[in-house]
């Protein structure tokens, strides 16, 4: 899908505030309401906009510990690696997961209330996942820049 400057403006505005009404959004980007709504729906249907959600403060809701977990899996067991991925998708403590290159095969971002809960999660869940060969945990000391809006400067027409 080719995105123009109006699409980019819509995406930037909605990343900043997903609760904008269509009228507010249209006014902000300089379109009338009907074409703005059509564009938003097109962006949603094309999968550019995948959804809308509230951003919560993990610490305020009792999830004060973030752990970045590097996981190595047995490479020669492709089926095991697929089982691992499927299982990770179902773990609510894992808020993001990436297939990576380097020391680890996967990098997981895990949020838990405290060290005791992480220890329990590590020993009763992560270490028992299919194909896991090695796990390395890195504890976040402080969040400097939480996940923010995606940069869209490369979309300039």
C-alpha atoms as a PDB file:
ATOM      1  CA  UNK A   1       0.000   0.000   0.000  1.00  0.00           C
ATOM      2  CA  UNK A   2       1.376   3.377  -1.020  1.00  0.00           C
ATOM      3  CA  UNK A   3       1.016   5.936   1.768  1.00  0.00           C
ATOM      4  CA  UNK A   4       0.791   9.654   1.072  1.00  0.00           C
ATOM      5  CA  UNK A   5       1.261  12.671   3.339  1.00  0.00           C
ATOM      6  CA  UNK A   6      -2.352  12.543   4.579  1.00  0.00           C
ATOM      7  CA  UNK A   7      -1.953   8.869   5.521  1.00  0.00           C
ATOM      8  CA  UNK A   8       1.287   9.683   7.318  1.00  0.00           C
ATOM      9  CA  UNK A   9      -0.373  12.552   9.201  1.00  0.00           C
ATOM     10  CA  UNK A  10      -3.238  10.241  10.209  1.00  0.00           C
ATOM     11  CA  UNK A  11      -0.807   7.599  11.465  1.00  0.00           C
ATOM     12  CA  UNK A  12       1.275  10.114  13.414  1.00  0.00           C
ATOM     13  CA  UNK A  13      -1.817  11.646  15.023  1.00  0.00           C
ATOM     14  CA  UNK A  14      -3.342   8.281  15.971  1.00  0.00           C
ATOM     15  CA  UNK A  15      -0.047   7.035  17.414  1.00  0.00           C
ATOM     16  CA  UNK A  16       0.053  10.152  19.573  1.00  0.00           C
ATOM     17  CA  UNK A  17      -3.623   9.864  20.602  1.00  0.00           C
ATOM     18  CA  UNK A  18      -5.663   6.849  19.500  1.00  0.00           C
ATOM     19  CA  UNK A  19      -8.771   8.321  21.107  1.00  0.00           C
ATOM     20  CA  UNK A  20      -9.105  11.222  18.670  1.00  0.00           C
ATOM     21  CA  UNK A  21     -12.571  11.426  17.185  1.00  0.00           C
ATOM     22  CA  UNK A  22     -12.777  11.367  13.409  1.00  0.00           C
ATOM     23  CA  UNK A  23     -13.778  15.050  13.440  1.00  0.00           C
ATOM     24  CA  UNK A  24     -10.764  15.970  15.595  1.00  0.00           C
ATOM     25  CA  UNK A  25      -8.468  13.884  13.413  1.00  0.00           C
ATOM     26  CA  UNK A  26      -9.827  15.377  10.192  1.00  0.00           C
ATOM     27  CA  UNK A  27      -9.397  18.887  11.557  1.00  0.00           C
ATOM     28  CA  UNK A  28      -5.838  18.173  12.690  1.00  0.00           C
ATOM     29  CA  UNK A  29      -4.691  16.832   9.321  1.00  0.00           C
ATOM     30  CA  UNK A  30      -6.651  19.263   7.144  1.00  0.00           C
ATOM     31  CA  UNK A  31      -9.276  16.990   5.580  1.00  0.00           C
ATOM     32  CA  UNK A  32     -13.033  16.886   5.866  1.00  0.00           C
ATOM     33  CA  UNK A  33     -14.529  14.138   8.034  1.00  0.00           C
ATOM     34  CA  UNK A  34     -15.716  11.743   5.288  1.00  0.00           C
ATOM     35  CA  UNK A  35     -12.424  11.381   3.384  1.00  0.00           C
ATOM     36  CA  UNK A  36     -10.558  11.170   6.678  1.00  0.00           C
ATOM     37  CA  UNK A  37     -12.758   8.329   7.878  1.00  0.00           C
ATOM     38  CA  UNK A  38     -12.365   6.549   4.520  1.00  0.00           C
ATOM     39  CA  UNK A  39      -8.581   6.808   4.816  1.00  0.00           C
ATOM     40  CA  UNK A  40      -8.569   5.480   8.391  1.00  0.00           C
ATOM     41  CA  UNK A  41     -10.733   2.534   7.380  1.00  0.00           C
ATOM     42  CA  UNK A  42      -8.462   1.820   4.387  1.00  0.00           C
ATOM     43  CA  UNK A  43      -5.414   1.886   6.694  1.00  0.00           C
ATOM     44  CA  UNK A  44      -7.178  -0.524   9.060  1.00  0.00           C
ATOM     45  CA  UNK A  45      -8.266  -2.888   6.265  1.00  0.00           C
ATOM     46  CA  UNK A  46      -4.757  -2.888   4.774  1.00  0.00           C
ATOM     47  CA  UNK A  47      -3.332  -3.885   8.168  1.00  0.00           C
ATOM     48  CA  UNK A  48      -1.298  -0.713   8.569  1.00  0.00           C
ATOM     49  CA  UNK A  49      -3.340   0.075  11.681  1.00  0.00           C
ATOM     50  CA  UNK A  50      -3.542  -3.212  13.567  1.00  0.00           C
ATOM     51  CA  UNK A  51      -5.650  -2.047  16.476  1.00  0.00           C
ATOM     52  CA  UNK A  52      -6.114   0.430  19.295  1.00  0.00           C
ATOM     53  CA  UNK A  53      -5.158  -0.079  22.911  1.00  0.00           C
ATOM     54  CA  UNK A  54      -4.526   1.733  26.166  1.00  0.00           C
ATOM     55  CA  UNK A  55      -0.898   2.062  27.260  1.00  0.00           C
ATOM     56  CA  UNK A  56      -0.634   1.076  30.907  1.00  0.00           C
ATOM     57  CA  UNK A  57       2.029   1.986  33.434  1.00  0.00           C
ATOM     58  CA  UNK A  58       3.439  -1.441  34.368  1.00  0.00           C
ATOM     59  CA  UNK A  59       4.665  -0.285  37.755  1.00  0.00           C
ATOM     60  CA  UNK A  60       1.332   1.273  38.718  1.00  0.00           C
ATOM     61  CA  UNK A  61      -0.474  -2.004  37.928  1.00  0.00           C
ATOM     62  CA  UNK A  62       2.004  -3.983  40.032  1.00  0.00           C
ATOM     63  CA  UNK A  63       4.396  -5.214  37.332  1.00  0.00           C
ATOM     64  CA  UNK A  64       7.539  -3.530  38.584  1.00  0.00           C
ATOM     65  CA  UNK A  65      10.092  -5.890  37.061  1.00  0.00           C
ATOM     66  CA  UNK A  66      11.004  -6.111  33.396  1.00  0.00           C
ATOM     67  CA  UNK A  67      13.374  -8.852  32.299  1.00  0.00           C
ATOM     68  CA  UNK A  68      14.891  -9.270  28.844  1.00  0.00           C
ATOM     69  CA  UNK A  69      15.417 -12.982  28.374  1.00  0.00           C
ATOM     70  CA  UNK A  70      17.734 -14.391  25.722  1.00  0.00           C
ATOM     71  CA  UNK A  71      16.794 -17.953  24.825  1.00  0.00           C
ATOM     72  CA  UNK A  72      18.824 -20.442  22.816  1.00  0.00           C
ATOM     73  CA  UNK A  73      16.966 -23.392  21.356  1.00  0.00           C
ATOM     74  CA  UNK A  74      18.160 -26.627  19.835  1.00  0.00           C
ATOM     75  CA  UNK A  75      18.617 -25.625  16.183  1.00  0.00           C
ATOM     76  CA  UNK A  76      18.540 -29.118  14.753  1.00  0.00           C
ATOM     77  CA  UNK A  77      15.007 -29.572  16.089  1.00  0.00           C
ATOM     78  CA  UNK A  78      12.959 -27.235  13.896  1.00  0.00           C
ATOM     79  CA  UNK A  79       9.730 -28.735  15.195  1.00  0.00           C
ATOM     80  CA  UNK A  80      10.824 -27.944  18.764  1.00  0.00           C
ATOM     81  CA  UNK A  81      11.577 -24.331  17.788  1.00  0.00           C
ATOM     82  CA  UNK A  82       8.084 -23.996  16.327  1.00  0.00           C
ATOM     83  CA  UNK A  83       6.571 -25.470  19.493  1.00  0.00           C
ATOM     84  CA  UNK A  84       8.603 -22.971  21.493  1.00  0.00           C
ATOM     85  CA  UNK A  85       7.238 -20.047  19.463  1.00  0.00           C
ATOM     86  CA  UNK A  86       3.650 -21.263  19.736  1.00  0.00           C
ATOM     87  CA  UNK A  87       3.971 -21.708  23.495  1.00  0.00           C
ATOM     88  CA  UNK A  88       5.564 -18.267  23.994  1.00  0.00           C
ATOM     89  CA  UNK A  89       2.625 -16.608  22.218  1.00  0.00           C
ATOM     90  CA  UNK A  90       0.315 -17.894  24.960  1.00  0.00           C
ATOM     91  CA  UNK A  91       2.375 -16.634  27.927  1.00  0.00           C
ATOM     92  CA  UNK A  92       0.875 -13.402  29.311  1.00  0.00           C
ATOM     93  CA  UNK A  93       4.125 -12.526  31.115  1.00  0.00           C
ATOM     94  CA  UNK A  94       5.883 -12.305  27.734  1.00  0.00           C
ATOM     95  CA  UNK A  95       4.833  -8.913  26.369  1.00  0.00           C
ATOM     96  CA  UNK A  96       7.076  -9.037  23.299  1.00  0.00           C
ATOM     97  CA  UNK A  97       9.175 -11.697  21.611  1.00  0.00           C
ATOM     98  CA  UNK A  98      11.638 -11.551  18.749  1.00  0.00           C
ATOM     99  CA  UNK A  99      13.562 -14.052  16.657  1.00  0.00           C
ATOM    100  CA  UNK A 100      17.075 -12.564  16.726  1.00  0.00           C
ATOM    101  CA  UNK A 101      20.576 -13.184  15.480  1.00  0.00           C
ATOM    102  CA  UNK A 102      23.604 -13.225  17.751  1.00  0.00           C
ATOM    103  CA  UNK A 103      24.070 -14.905  21.102  1.00  0.00           C
ATOM    104  CA  UNK A 104      20.420 -15.887  21.463  1.00  0.00           C
ATOM    105  CA  UNK A 105      17.824 -17.261  19.085  1.00  0.00           C
ATOM    106  CA  UNK A 106      14.926 -15.446  20.748  1.00  0.00           C
ATOM    107  CA  UNK A 107      14.676 -12.327  22.869  1.00  0.00           C
ATOM    108  CA  UNK A 108      11.690 -12.137  25.186  1.00  0.00           C
ATOM    109  CA  UNK A 109      10.489  -9.150  27.179  1.00  0.00           C
ATOM    110  CA  UNK A 110       8.936 -10.444  30.371  1.00  0.00           C
ATOM    111  CA  UNK A 111       7.045  -8.381  32.953  1.00  0.00           C
ATOM    112  CA  UNK A 112       6.373  -9.693  36.452  1.00  0.00           C
ATOM    113  CA  UNK A 113       5.648  -8.154  39.853  1.00  0.00           C
ATOM    114  CA  UNK A 114       8.982  -9.015  41.480  1.00  0.00           C
ATOM    115  CA  UNK A 115      12.060 -11.239  41.555  1.00  0.00           C
ATOM    116  CA  UNK A 116      10.264 -14.063  43.368  1.00  0.00           C
ATOM    117  CA  UNK A 117       7.610 -14.212  40.627  1.00  0.00           C
ATOM    118  CA  UNK A 118      10.317 -14.155  37.924  1.00  0.00           C
ATOM    119  CA  UNK A 119      12.134 -17.028  39.618  1.00  0.00           C
ATOM    120  CA  UNK A 120       8.891 -19.014  39.648  1.00  0.00           C
ATOM    121  CA  UNK A 121       8.201 -18.148  35.992  1.00  0.00           C
ATOM    122  CA  UNK A 122      11.759 -19.072  35.002  1.00  0.00           C
ATOM    123  CA  UNK A 123      11.838 -22.426  36.770  1.00  0.00           C
ATOM    124  CA  UNK A 124       8.287 -23.607  36.206  1.00  0.00           C
ATOM    125  CA  UNK A 125       7.653 -22.199  32.719  1.00  0.00           C
ATOM    126  CA  UNK A 126      10.650 -20.937  30.712  1.00  0.00           C
ATOM    127  CA  UNK A 127      13.060 -23.748  31.539  1.00  0.00           C
ATOM    128  CA  UNK A 128      10.387 -26.286  30.623  1.00  0.00           C
ATOM    129  CA  UNK A 129       9.623 -24.858  27.180  1.00  0.00           C
ATOM    130  CA  UNK A 130      10.263 -27.251  24.265  1.00  0.00           C
ATOM    131  CA  UNK A 131      13.762 -27.163  22.803  1.00  0.00           C
ATOM    132  CA  UNK A 132      15.261 -24.664  25.282  1.00  0.00           C
ATOM    133  CA  UNK A 133      19.023 -25.086  25.554  1.00  0.00           C
ATOM    134  CA  UNK A 134      20.094 -21.923  27.415  1.00  0.00           C
ATOM    135  CA  UNK A 135      18.501 -18.881  29.043  1.00  0.00           C
ATOM    136  CA  UNK A 136      20.160 -15.569  29.919  1.00  0.00           C
ATOM    137  CA  UNK A 137      18.251 -12.978  31.935  1.00  0.00           C
ATOM    138  CA  UNK A 138      18.938  -9.239  31.862  1.00  0.00           C
ATOM    139  CA  UNK A 139      17.024  -7.159  34.382  1.00  0.00           C
ATOM    140  CA  UNK A 140      15.911  -3.656  33.456  1.00  0.00           C
ATOM    141  CA  UNK A 141      17.079  -1.138  36.053  1.00  0.00           C
ATOM    142  CA  UNK A 142      15.066   1.797  34.719  1.00  0.00           C
ATOM    143  CA  UNK A 143      12.917   2.469  31.668  1.00  0.00           C
ATOM    144  CA  UNK A 144      14.476   5.379  29.820  1.00  0.00           C
ATOM    145  CA  UNK A 145      12.275   5.296  26.722  1.00  0.00           C
ATOM    146  CA  UNK A 146       9.321   2.930  26.692  1.00  0.00           C
ATOM    147  CA  UNK A 147       7.942   1.789  23.358  1.00  0.00           C
ATOM    148  CA  UNK A 148       6.759   4.877  21.576  1.00  0.00           C
ATOM    149  CA  UNK A 149       5.329   5.780  18.207  1.00  0.00           C
ATOM    150  CA  UNK A 150       7.010   4.424  15.094  1.00  0.00           C
ATOM    151  CA  UNK A 151       9.083   6.962  13.152  1.00  0.00           C
ATOM    152  CA  UNK A 152       7.452   7.724   9.810  1.00  0.00           C
ATOM    153  CA  UNK A 153       9.886  10.223   8.256  1.00  0.00           C
ATOM    154  CA  UNK A 154      10.875   7.694   5.582  1.00  0.00           C
ATOM    155  CA  UNK A 155       7.304   7.883   4.188  1.00  0.00           C
ATOM    156  CA  UNK A 156       7.705  11.455   2.935  1.00  0.00           C
ATOM    157  CA  UNK A 157       6.506  11.776  -0.628  1.00  0.00           C
END
